[in-house]
């Protein structure tokens, strides 16, 4: 749990988490329930249909998942779910 946000934090840079996210996305989300920050999401686009399902089933929970990544273009090429109406994309630029 991140002290600043009161959210769980998991990074897909961790190969154990990445492998679980790719091979069993449903179990990954059960083990990392919202509110959760999933960092480096581009490594597991398999999560998106399950995140969409969660968002549809829990419409009253806003911001359940914060998805971050460092490779926007790689992320977008792997996305098959649009998550339309369920997602906001913010581009953050570092100096």
PDB file of N, CA and C in Angstrom:
ATOM      1  N   UNK A   1       0.854  -1.174   0.000  1.00  0.00           N
ATOM      2  CA  UNK A   1       0.000   0.000   0.000  1.00  0.00           C
ATOM      3  C   UNK A   1       0.892   1.227   0.000  1.00  0.00           C
ATOM      4  N   UNK A   2       0.711   2.090  -0.959  1.00  0.00           N
ATOM      5  CA  UNK A   2       1.475   3.322  -1.038  1.00  0.00           C
ATOM      6  C   UNK A   2       0.973   4.287   0.034  1.00  0.00           C
ATOM      7  N   UNK A   3       1.884   4.834   0.804  1.00  0.00           N
ATOM      8  CA  UNK A   3       1.494   5.733   1.896  1.00  0.00           C
ATOM      9  C   UNK A   3       0.855   7.017   1.384  1.00  0.00           C
ATOM     10  N   UNK A   4       1.279   7.503   0.225  1.00  0.00           N
ATOM     11  CA  UNK A   4       0.774   8.776  -0.283  1.00  0.00           C
ATOM     12  C   UNK A   4      -0.620   8.662  -0.883  1.00  0.00           C
ATOM     13  N   UNK A   5      -0.971   7.524  -1.435  1.00  0.00           N
ATOM     14  CA  UNK A   5      -2.238   7.406  -2.151  1.00  0.00           C
ATOM     15  C   UNK A   5      -3.208   6.403  -1.547  1.00  0.00           C
ATOM     16  N   UNK A   6      -2.773   5.624  -0.570  1.00  0.00           N
ATOM     17  CA  UNK A   6      -3.601   4.551  -0.018  1.00  0.00           C
ATOM     18  C   UNK A   6      -4.032   3.572  -1.100  1.00  0.00           C
ATOM     19  N   UNK A   7      -3.145   3.338  -2.040  1.00  0.00           N
ATOM     20  CA  UNK A   7      -3.386   2.397  -3.123  1.00  0.00           C
ATOM     21  C   UNK A   7      -2.340   1.302  -3.074  1.00  0.00           C
ATOM     22  N   UNK A   8      -2.735   0.123  -3.526  1.00  0.00           N
ATOM     23  CA  UNK A   8      -1.753  -0.931  -3.738  1.00  0.00           C
ATOM     24  C   UNK A   8      -0.908  -0.526  -4.939  1.00  0.00           C
ATOM     25  N   UNK A   9       0.337  -0.950  -4.944  1.00  0.00           N
ATOM     26  CA  UNK A   9       1.237  -0.644  -6.053  1.00  0.00           C
ATOM     27  C   UNK A   9       1.903  -1.936  -6.500  1.00  0.00           C
ATOM     28  N   UNK A  10       1.866  -2.190  -7.794  1.00  0.00           N
ATOM     29  CA  UNK A  10       2.563  -3.347  -8.346  1.00  0.00           C
ATOM     30  C   UNK A  10       3.228  -2.915  -9.651  1.00  0.00           C
ATOM     31  N   UNK A  11       4.483  -3.301  -9.816  1.00  0.00           N
ATOM     32  CA  UNK A  11       5.224  -2.961 -11.022  1.00  0.00           C
ATOM     33  C   UNK A  11       5.432  -4.217 -11.861  1.00  0.00           C
ATOM     34  N   UNK A  12       5.107  -4.115 -13.131  1.00  0.00           N
ATOM     35  CA  UNK A  12       5.320  -5.244 -14.036  1.00  0.00           C
ATOM     36  C   UNK A  12       6.764  -5.328 -14.495  1.00  0.00           C
ATOM     37  N   UNK A  13       7.631  -4.487 -13.950  1.00  0.00           N
ATOM     38  CA  UNK A  13       9.076  -4.695 -14.112  1.00  0.00           C
ATOM     39  C   UNK A  13       9.486  -5.958 -13.353  1.00  0.00           C
ATOM     40  N   UNK A  14       8.729  -6.274 -12.310  1.00  0.00           N
ATOM     41  CA  UNK A  14       8.965  -7.493 -11.539  1.00  0.00           C
ATOM     42  C   UNK A  14       8.477  -8.673 -12.389  1.00  0.00           C
ATOM     43  N   UNK A  15       9.396  -9.545 -12.751  1.00  0.00           N
ATOM     44  CA  UNK A  15       9.084 -10.635 -13.671  1.00  0.00           C
ATOM     45  C   UNK A  15       8.033 -11.597 -13.115  1.00  0.00           C
ATOM     46  N   UNK A  16       8.006 -11.784 -11.815  1.00  0.00           N
ATOM     47  CA  UNK A  16       7.004 -12.657 -11.197  1.00  0.00           C
ATOM     48  C   UNK A  16       5.606 -12.084 -11.422  1.00  0.00           C
ATOM     49  N   UNK A  17       5.442 -10.787 -11.159  1.00  0.00           N
ATOM     50  CA  UNK A  17       4.149 -10.145 -11.365  1.00  0.00           C
ATOM     51  C   UNK A  17       3.780 -10.105 -12.845  1.00  0.00           C
ATOM     52  N   UNK A  18       4.762  -9.815 -13.690  1.00  0.00           N
ATOM     53  CA  UNK A  18       4.515  -9.734 -15.130  1.00  0.00           C
ATOM     54  C   UNK A  18       4.025 -11.078 -15.671  1.00  0.00           C
ATOM     55  N   UNK A  19       4.696 -12.142 -15.282  1.00  0.00           N
ATOM     56  CA  UNK A  19       4.311 -13.471 -15.761  1.00  0.00           C
ATOM     57  C   UNK A  19       2.889 -13.820 -15.333  1.00  0.00           C
ATOM     58  N   UNK A  20       2.551 -13.538 -14.086  1.00  0.00           N
ATOM     59  CA  UNK A  20       1.198 -13.812 -13.612  1.00  0.00           C
ATOM     60  C   UNK A  20       0.179 -12.972 -14.379  1.00  0.00           C
ATOM     61  N   UNK A  21       0.477 -11.706 -14.593  1.00  0.00           N
ATOM     62  CA  UNK A  21      -0.436 -10.819 -15.319  1.00  0.00           C
ATOM     63  C   UNK A  21      -0.682 -11.323 -16.734  1.00  0.00           C
ATOM     64  N   UNK A  22       0.340 -11.865 -17.368  1.00  0.00           N
ATOM     65  CA  UNK A  22       0.225 -12.346 -18.741  1.00  0.00           C
ATOM     66  C   UNK A  22      -0.464 -13.705 -18.831  1.00  0.00           C
ATOM     67  N   UNK A  23      -0.185 -14.595 -17.882  1.00  0.00           N
ATOM     68  CA  UNK A  23      -0.692 -15.959 -17.994  1.00  0.00           C
ATOM     69  C   UNK A  23      -2.005 -16.182 -17.256  1.00  0.00           C
ATOM     70  N   UNK A  24      -2.262 -15.390 -16.221  1.00  0.00           N
ATOM     71  CA  UNK A  24      -3.509 -15.526 -15.466  1.00  0.00           C
ATOM     72  C   UNK A  24      -3.955 -14.147 -14.976  1.00  0.00           C
ATOM     73  N   UNK A  25      -4.425 -13.311 -15.913  1.00  0.00           N
ATOM     74  CA  UNK A  25      -4.800 -11.940 -15.544  1.00  0.00           C
ATOM     75  C   UNK A  25      -5.882 -11.866 -14.477  1.00  0.00           C
ATOM     76  N   UNK A  26      -6.799 -12.816 -14.497  1.00  0.00           N
ATOM     77  CA  UNK A  26      -7.862 -12.809 -13.492  1.00  0.00           C
ATOM     78  C   UNK A  26      -7.286 -13.005 -12.091  1.00  0.00           C
ATOM     79  N   UNK A  27      -6.387 -13.956 -11.924  1.00  0.00           N
ATOM     80  CA  UNK A  27      -5.750 -14.188 -10.627  1.00  0.00           C
ATOM     81  C   UNK A  27      -4.893 -12.986 -10.227  1.00  0.00           C
ATOM     82  N   UNK A  28      -4.189 -12.400 -11.189  1.00  0.00           N
ATOM     83  CA  UNK A  28      -3.375 -11.213 -10.908  1.00  0.00           C
ATOM     84  C   UNK A  28      -4.238 -10.115 -10.291  1.00  0.00           C
ATOM     85  N   UNK A  29      -5.411  -9.856 -10.878  1.00  0.00           N
ATOM     86  CA  UNK A  29      -6.281  -8.794 -10.362  1.00  0.00           C
ATOM     87  C   UNK A  29      -6.907  -9.186  -9.028  1.00  0.00           C
ATOM     88  N   UNK A  30      -7.149 -10.463  -8.812  1.00  0.00           N
ATOM     89  CA  UNK A  30      -7.652 -10.901  -7.504  1.00  0.00           C
ATOM     90  C   UNK A  30      -6.599 -10.664  -6.419  1.00  0.00           C
ATOM     91  N   UNK A  31      -5.333 -10.870  -6.766  1.00  0.00           N
ATOM     92  CA  UNK A  31      -4.257 -10.680  -5.801  1.00  0.00           C
ATOM     93  C   UNK A  31      -3.874  -9.211  -5.631  1.00  0.00           C
ATOM     94  N   UNK A  32      -4.310  -8.364  -6.553  1.00  0.00           N
ATOM     95  CA  UNK A  32      -4.002  -6.929  -6.526  1.00  0.00           C
ATOM     96  C   UNK A  32      -5.293  -6.139  -6.704  1.00  0.00           C
ATOM     97  N   UNK A  33      -6.188  -6.227  -5.710  1.00  0.00           N
ATOM     98  CA  UNK A  33      -7.499  -5.590  -5.858  1.00  0.00           C
ATOM     99  C   UNK A  33      -7.403  -4.066  -5.800  1.00  0.00           C
ATOM    100  N   UNK A  34      -8.400  -3.403  -6.380  1.00  0.00           N
ATOM    101  CA  UNK A  34      -8.425  -1.948  -6.336  1.00  0.00           C
ATOM    102  C   UNK A  34      -8.626  -1.429  -4.916  1.00  0.00           C
ATOM    103  N   UNK A  35      -8.189  -0.222  -4.680  1.00  0.00           N
ATOM    104  CA  UNK A  35      -7.532   0.683  -5.617  1.00  0.00           C
ATOM    105  C   UNK A  35      -6.063   0.283  -5.808  1.00  0.00           C
ATOM    106  N   UNK A  36      -5.650   0.197  -7.057  1.00  0.00           N
ATOM    107  CA  UNK A  36      -4.320  -0.296  -7.377  1.00  0.00           C
ATOM    108  C   UNK A  36      -3.665   0.526  -8.481  1.00  0.00           C
ATOM    109  N   UNK A  37      -2.379   0.755  -8.313  1.00  0.00           N
ATOM    110  CA  UNK A  37      -1.539   1.328  -9.368  1.00  0.00           C
ATOM    111  C   UNK A  37      -0.795   0.156  -9.998  1.00  0.00           C
ATOM    112  N   UNK A  38      -0.950  -0.011 -11.308  1.00  0.00           N
ATOM    113  CA  UNK A  38      -0.196  -1.031 -12.033  1.00  0.00           C
ATOM    114  C   UNK A  38       0.778  -0.287 -12.936  1.00  0.00           C
ATOM    115  N   UNK A  39       2.049  -0.389 -12.603  1.00  0.00           N
ATOM    116  CA  UNK A  39       3.103   0.323 -13.341  1.00  0.00           C
ATOM    117  C   UNK A  39       3.668  -0.570 -14.435  1.00  0.00           C
ATOM    118  N   UNK A  40       4.064   0.042 -15.531  1.00  0.00           N
ATOM    119  CA  UNK A  40       4.613  -0.635 -16.718  1.00  0.00           C
ATOM    120  C   UNK A  40       3.583  -1.585 -17.329  1.00  0.00           C
ATOM    121  N   UNK A  41       2.346  -1.094 -17.404  1.00  0.00           N
ATOM    122  CA  UNK A  41       1.216  -1.871 -17.918  1.00  0.00           C
ATOM    123  C   UNK A  41       1.439  -2.358 -19.345  1.00  0.00           C
ATOM    124  N   UNK A  42       2.308  -1.698 -20.103  1.00  0.00           N
ATOM    125  CA  UNK A  42       2.523  -2.098 -21.488  1.00  0.00           C
ATOM    126  C   UNK A  42       3.065  -3.520 -21.610  1.00  0.00           C
ATOM    127  N   UNK A  43       3.609  -4.061 -20.524  1.00  0.00           N
ATOM    128  CA  UNK A  43       4.151  -5.415 -20.566  1.00  0.00           C
ATOM    129  C   UNK A  43       3.075  -6.496 -20.472  1.00  0.00           C
ATOM    130  N   UNK A  44       1.847  -6.126 -20.150  1.00  0.00           N
ATOM    131  CA  UNK A  44       0.784  -7.127 -20.002  1.00  0.00           C
ATOM    132  C   UNK A  44      -0.554  -6.596 -20.525  1.00  0.00           C
ATOM    133  N   UNK A  45      -0.668  -6.402 -21.844  1.00  0.00           N
ATOM    134  CA  UNK A  45      -1.953  -5.951 -22.390  1.00  0.00           C
ATOM    135  C   UNK A  45      -3.073  -6.968 -22.161  1.00  0.00           C
ATOM    136  N   UNK A  46      -2.709  -8.170 -21.760  1.00  0.00           N
ATOM    137  CA  UNK A  46      -3.706  -9.196 -21.430  1.00  0.00           C
ATOM    138  C   UNK A  46      -4.612  -8.767 -20.280  1.00  0.00           C
ATOM    139  N   UNK A  47      -4.166  -7.808 -19.477  1.00  0.00           N
ATOM    140  CA  UNK A  47      -4.964  -7.334 -18.345  1.00  0.00           C
ATOM    141  C   UNK A  47      -6.172  -6.493 -18.764  1.00  0.00           C
ATOM    142  N   UNK A  48      -6.107  -5.852 -19.923  1.00  0.00           N
ATOM    143  CA  UNK A  48      -7.138  -4.884 -20.283  1.00  0.00           C
ATOM    144  C   UNK A  48      -8.559  -5.450 -20.326  1.00  0.00           C
ATOM    145  N   UNK A  49      -8.813  -6.623 -20.906  1.00  0.00           N
ATOM    146  CA  UNK A  49     -10.194  -7.122 -20.883  1.00  0.00           C
ATOM    147  C   UNK A  49     -10.704  -7.353 -19.453  1.00  0.00           C
ATOM    148  N   UNK A  50      -9.821  -7.748 -18.560  1.00  0.00           N
ATOM    149  CA  UNK A  50     -10.212  -8.002 -17.171  1.00  0.00           C
ATOM    150  C   UNK A  50     -10.429  -6.698 -16.404  1.00  0.00           C
ATOM    151  N   UNK A  51      -9.638  -5.695 -16.721  1.00  0.00           N
ATOM    152  CA  UNK A  51      -9.844  -4.378 -16.116  1.00  0.00           C
ATOM    153  C   UNK A  51     -11.171  -3.793 -16.610  1.00  0.00           C
ATOM    154  N   UNK A  52     -11.465  -3.996 -17.892  1.00  0.00           N
ATOM    155  CA  UNK A  52     -12.736  -3.535 -18.450  1.00  0.00           C
ATOM    156  C   UNK A  52     -13.905  -4.211 -17.737  1.00  0.00           C
ATOM    157  N   UNK A  53     -13.812  -5.514 -17.552  1.00  0.00           N
ATOM    158  CA  UNK A  53     -14.859  -6.253 -16.841  1.00  0.00           C
ATOM    159  C   UNK A  53     -15.052  -5.713 -15.428  1.00  0.00           C
ATOM    160  N   UNK A  54     -13.946  -5.490 -14.732  1.00  0.00           N
ATOM    161  CA  UNK A  54     -14.008  -4.955 -13.372  1.00  0.00           C
ATOM    162  C   UNK A  54     -14.667  -3.588 -13.357  1.00  0.00           C
ATOM    163  N   UNK A  55     -14.293  -2.744 -14.313  1.00  0.00           N
ATOM    164  CA  UNK A  55     -14.886  -1.401 -14.395  1.00  0.00           C
ATOM    165  C   UNK A  55     -16.386  -1.485 -14.660  1.00  0.00           C
ATOM    166  N   UNK A  56     -16.794  -2.416 -15.521  1.00  0.00           N
ATOM    167  CA  UNK A  56     -18.214  -2.574 -15.827  1.00  0.00           C
ATOM    168  C   UNK A  56     -18.999  -3.096 -14.626  1.00  0.00           C
ATOM    169  N   UNK A  57     -18.388  -3.980 -13.864  1.00  0.00           N
ATOM    170  CA  UNK A  57     -19.073  -4.573 -12.720  1.00  0.00           C
ATOM    171  C   UNK A  57     -19.091  -3.647 -11.505  1.00  0.00           C
ATOM    172  N   UNK A  58     -18.197  -2.668 -11.485  1.00  0.00           N
ATOM    173  CA  UNK A  58     -18.070  -1.767 -10.330  1.00  0.00           C
ATOM    174  C   UNK A  58     -18.113  -0.316 -10.782  1.00  0.00           C
ATOM    175  N   UNK A  59     -19.143   0.047 -11.514  1.00  0.00           N
ATOM    176  CA  UNK A  59     -19.244   1.395 -12.083  1.00  0.00           C
ATOM    177  C   UNK A  59     -19.234   2.502 -11.033  1.00  0.00           C
ATOM    178  N   UNK A  60     -19.589   2.181  -9.802  1.00  0.00           N
ATOM    179  CA  UNK A  60     -19.623   3.192  -8.743  1.00  0.00           C
ATOM    180  C   UNK A  60     -18.238   3.482  -8.175  1.00  0.00           C
ATOM    181  N   UNK A  61     -17.233   2.685  -8.534  1.00  0.00           N
ATOM    182  CA  UNK A  61     -15.875   2.909  -8.034  1.00  0.00           C
ATOM    183  C   UNK A  61     -15.079   3.635  -9.113  1.00  0.00           C
ATOM    184  N   UNK A  62     -14.813   4.898  -8.886  1.00  0.00           N
ATOM    185  CA  UNK A  62     -14.059   5.705  -9.847  1.00  0.00           C
ATOM    186  C   UNK A  62     -12.564   5.610  -9.542  1.00  0.00           C
ATOM    187  N   UNK A  63     -11.741   5.460 -10.560  1.00  0.00           N
ATOM    188  CA  UNK A  63     -10.293   5.433 -10.375  1.00  0.00           C
ATOM    189  C   UNK A  63      -9.791   4.175  -9.690  1.00  0.00           C
ATOM    190  N   UNK A  64     -10.474   3.057  -9.899  1.00  0.00           N
ATOM    191  CA  UNK A  64     -10.088   1.808  -9.240  1.00  0.00           C
ATOM    192  C   UNK A  64      -8.678   1.373  -9.631  1.00  0.00           C
ATOM    193  N   UNK A  65      -8.332   1.566 -10.893  1.00  0.00           N
ATOM    194  CA  UNK A  65      -7.003   1.203 -11.378  1.00  0.00           C
ATOM    195  C   UNK A  65      -6.334   2.425 -11.985  1.00  0.00           C
ATOM    196  N   UNK A  66      -5.108   2.687 -11.556  1.00  0.00           N
ATOM    197  CA  UNK A  66      -4.262   3.680 -12.197  1.00  0.00           C
ATOM    198  C   UNK A  66      -3.214   2.896 -12.952  1.00  0.00           C
ATOM    199  N   UNK A  67      -3.188   3.056 -14.265  1.00  0.00           N
ATOM    200  CA  UNK A  67      -2.269   2.311 -15.111  1.00  0.00           C
ATOM    201  C   UNK A  67      -1.195   3.261 -15.615  1.00  0.00           C
ATOM    202  N   UNK A  68       0.056   2.934 -15.350  1.00  0.00           N
ATOM    203  CA  UNK A  68       1.157   3.786 -15.769  1.00  0.00           C
ATOM    204  C   UNK A  68       2.128   2.978 -16.607  1.00  0.00           C
ATOM    205  N   UNK A  69       2.884   3.691 -17.411  1.00  0.00           N
ATOM    206  CA  UNK A  69       3.873   3.015 -18.242  1.00  0.00           C
ATOM    207  C   UNK A  69       4.823   4.008 -18.852  1.00  0.00           C
ATOM    208  N   UNK A  70       5.921   3.498 -19.305  1.00  0.00           N
ATOM    209  CA  UNK A  70       6.948   4.367 -19.881  1.00  0.00           C
ATOM    210  C   UNK A  70       7.035   4.238 -21.391  1.00  0.00           C
ATOM    211  N   UNK A  71       6.250   3.349 -21.975  1.00  0.00           N
ATOM    212  CA  UNK A  71       6.317   3.132 -23.416  1.00  0.00           C
ATOM    213  C   UNK A  71       4.916   3.196 -24.007  1.00  0.00           C
ATOM    214  N   UNK A  72       4.433   4.401 -24.223  1.00  0.00           N
ATOM    215  CA  UNK A  72       3.059   4.604 -24.681  1.00  0.00           C
ATOM    216  C   UNK A  72       2.774   3.877 -25.999  1.00  0.00           C
ATOM    217  N   UNK A  73       3.664   3.957 -26.950  1.00  0.00           N
ATOM    218  CA  UNK A  73       3.382   3.382 -28.263  1.00  0.00           C
ATOM    219  C   UNK A  73       3.344   1.859 -28.215  1.00  0.00           C
ATOM    220  N   UNK A  74       4.231   1.266 -27.437  1.00  0.00           N
ATOM    221  CA  UNK A  74       4.191  -0.180 -27.269  1.00  0.00           C
ATOM    222  C   UNK A  74       2.902  -0.584 -26.570  1.00  0.00           C
ATOM    223  N   UNK A  75       2.480   0.206 -25.608  1.00  0.00           N
ATOM    224  CA  UNK A  75       1.241  -0.060 -24.898  1.00  0.00           C
ATOM    225  C   UNK A  75       0.063  -0.035 -25.859  1.00  0.00           C
ATOM    226  N   UNK A  76      -0.034   1.007 -26.651  1.00  0.00           N
ATOM    227  CA  UNK A  76      -1.195   1.185 -27.506  1.00  0.00           C
ATOM    228  C   UNK A  76      -1.272   0.130 -28.610  1.00  0.00           C
ATOM    229  N   UNK A  77      -0.139  -0.363 -29.092  1.00  0.00           N
ATOM    230  CA  UNK A  77      -0.196  -1.370 -30.155  1.00  0.00           C
ATOM    231  C   UNK A  77      -0.716  -2.708 -29.629  1.00  0.00           C
ATOM    232  N   UNK A  78      -0.584  -2.950 -28.332  1.00  0.00           N
ATOM    233  CA  UNK A  78      -1.049  -4.208 -27.765  1.00  0.00           C
ATOM    234  C   UNK A  78      -2.462  -4.168 -27.227  1.00  0.00           C
ATOM    235  N   UNK A  79      -3.097  -3.010 -27.249  1.00  0.00           N
ATOM    236  CA  UNK A  79      -4.419  -2.858 -26.665  1.00  0.00           C
ATOM    237  C   UNK A  79      -5.492  -3.250 -27.673  1.00  0.00           C
ATOM    238  N   UNK A  80      -6.295  -4.228 -27.308  1.00  0.00           N
ATOM    239  CA  UNK A  80      -7.406  -4.645 -28.154  1.00  0.00           C
ATOM    240  C   UNK A  80      -8.720  -4.111 -27.600  1.00  0.00           C
ATOM    241  N   UNK A  81      -8.737  -3.786 -26.328  1.00  0.00           N
ATOM    242  CA  UNK A  81      -9.910  -3.201 -25.686  1.00  0.00           C
ATOM    243  C   UNK A  81      -9.737  -1.695 -25.684  1.00  0.00           C
ATOM    244  N   UNK A  82     -10.759  -0.975 -26.128  1.00  0.00           N
ATOM    245  CA  UNK A  82     -10.641   0.479 -26.159  1.00  0.00           C
ATOM    246  C   UNK A  82     -10.820   1.095 -24.778  1.00  0.00           C
ATOM    247  N   UNK A  83     -11.549   0.426 -23.907  1.00  0.00           N
ATOM    248  CA  UNK A  83     -11.890   0.957 -22.587  1.00  0.00           C
ATOM    249  C   UNK A  83     -12.617   2.301 -22.699  1.00  0.00           C
ATOM    250  N   UNK A  84     -13.266   2.524 -23.831  1.00  0.00           N
ATOM    251  CA  UNK A  84     -13.992   3.772 -24.054  1.00  0.00           C
ATOM    252  C   UNK A  84     -14.984   4.025 -22.928  1.00  0.00           C
ATOM    253  N   UNK A  85     -14.986   5.245 -22.420  1.00  0.00           N
ATOM    254  CA  UNK A  85     -15.868   5.620 -21.336  1.00  0.00           C
ATOM    255  C   UNK A  85     -15.412   5.122 -19.975  1.00  0.00           C
ATOM    256  N   UNK A  86     -14.285   4.421 -19.949  1.00  0.00           N
ATOM    257  CA  UNK A  86     -13.788   3.850 -18.699  1.00  0.00           C
ATOM    258  C   UNK A  86     -12.381   4.312 -18.368  1.00  0.00           C
ATOM    259  N   UNK A  87     -11.805   5.152 -19.218  1.00  0.00           N
ATOM    260  CA  UNK A  87     -10.391   5.468 -19.079  1.00  0.00           C
ATOM    261  C   UNK A  87     -10.133   6.944 -19.391  1.00  0.00           C
ATOM    262  N   UNK A  88      -9.163   7.487 -18.714  1.00  0.00           N
ATOM    263  CA  UNK A  88      -8.640   8.818 -19.040  1.00  0.00           C
ATOM    264  C   UNK A  88      -7.143   8.638 -19.241  1.00  0.00           C
ATOM    265  N   UNK A  89      -6.607   9.224 -20.288  1.00  0.00           N
ATOM    266  CA  UNK A  89      -5.175   9.099 -20.575  1.00  0.00           C
ATOM    267  C   UNK A  89      -4.519  10.453 -20.364  1.00  0.00           C
ATOM    268  N   UNK A  90      -3.500  10.464 -19.521  1.00  0.00           N
ATOM    269  CA  UNK A  90      -2.748  11.672 -19.240  1.00  0.00           C
ATOM    270  C   UNK A  90      -1.315  11.465 -19.689  1.00  0.00           C
ATOM    271  N   UNK A  91      -0.816  12.355 -20.524  1.00  0.00           N
ATOM    272  CA  UNK A  91       0.581  12.312 -20.922  1.00  0.00           C
ATOM    273  C   UNK A  91       1.365  13.217 -19.992  1.00  0.00           C
ATOM    274  N   UNK A  92       2.321  12.653 -19.309  1.00  0.00           N
ATOM    275  CA  UNK A  92       3.163  13.415 -18.383  1.00  0.00           C
ATOM    276  C   UNK A  92       4.560  13.503 -18.972  1.00  0.00           C
ATOM    277  N   UNK A  93       5.049  14.670 -19.092  1.00  0.00           N
ATOM    278  CA  UNK A  93       6.374  14.879 -19.671  1.00  0.00           C
ATOM    279  C   UNK A  93       7.361  15.210 -18.564  1.00  0.00           C
ATOM    280  N   UNK A  94       8.491  14.560 -18.588  1.00  0.00           N
ATOM    281  CA  UNK A  94       9.553  14.843 -17.611  1.00  0.00           C
ATOM    282  C   UNK A  94      10.558  15.793 -18.246  1.00  0.00           C
ATOM    283  N   UNK A  95      11.094  16.678 -17.448  1.00  0.00           N
ATOM    284  CA  UNK A  95      12.121  17.597 -17.953  1.00  0.00           C
ATOM    285  C   UNK A  95      13.482  16.999 -17.811  1.00  0.00           C
TER     286      UNK A  95
END
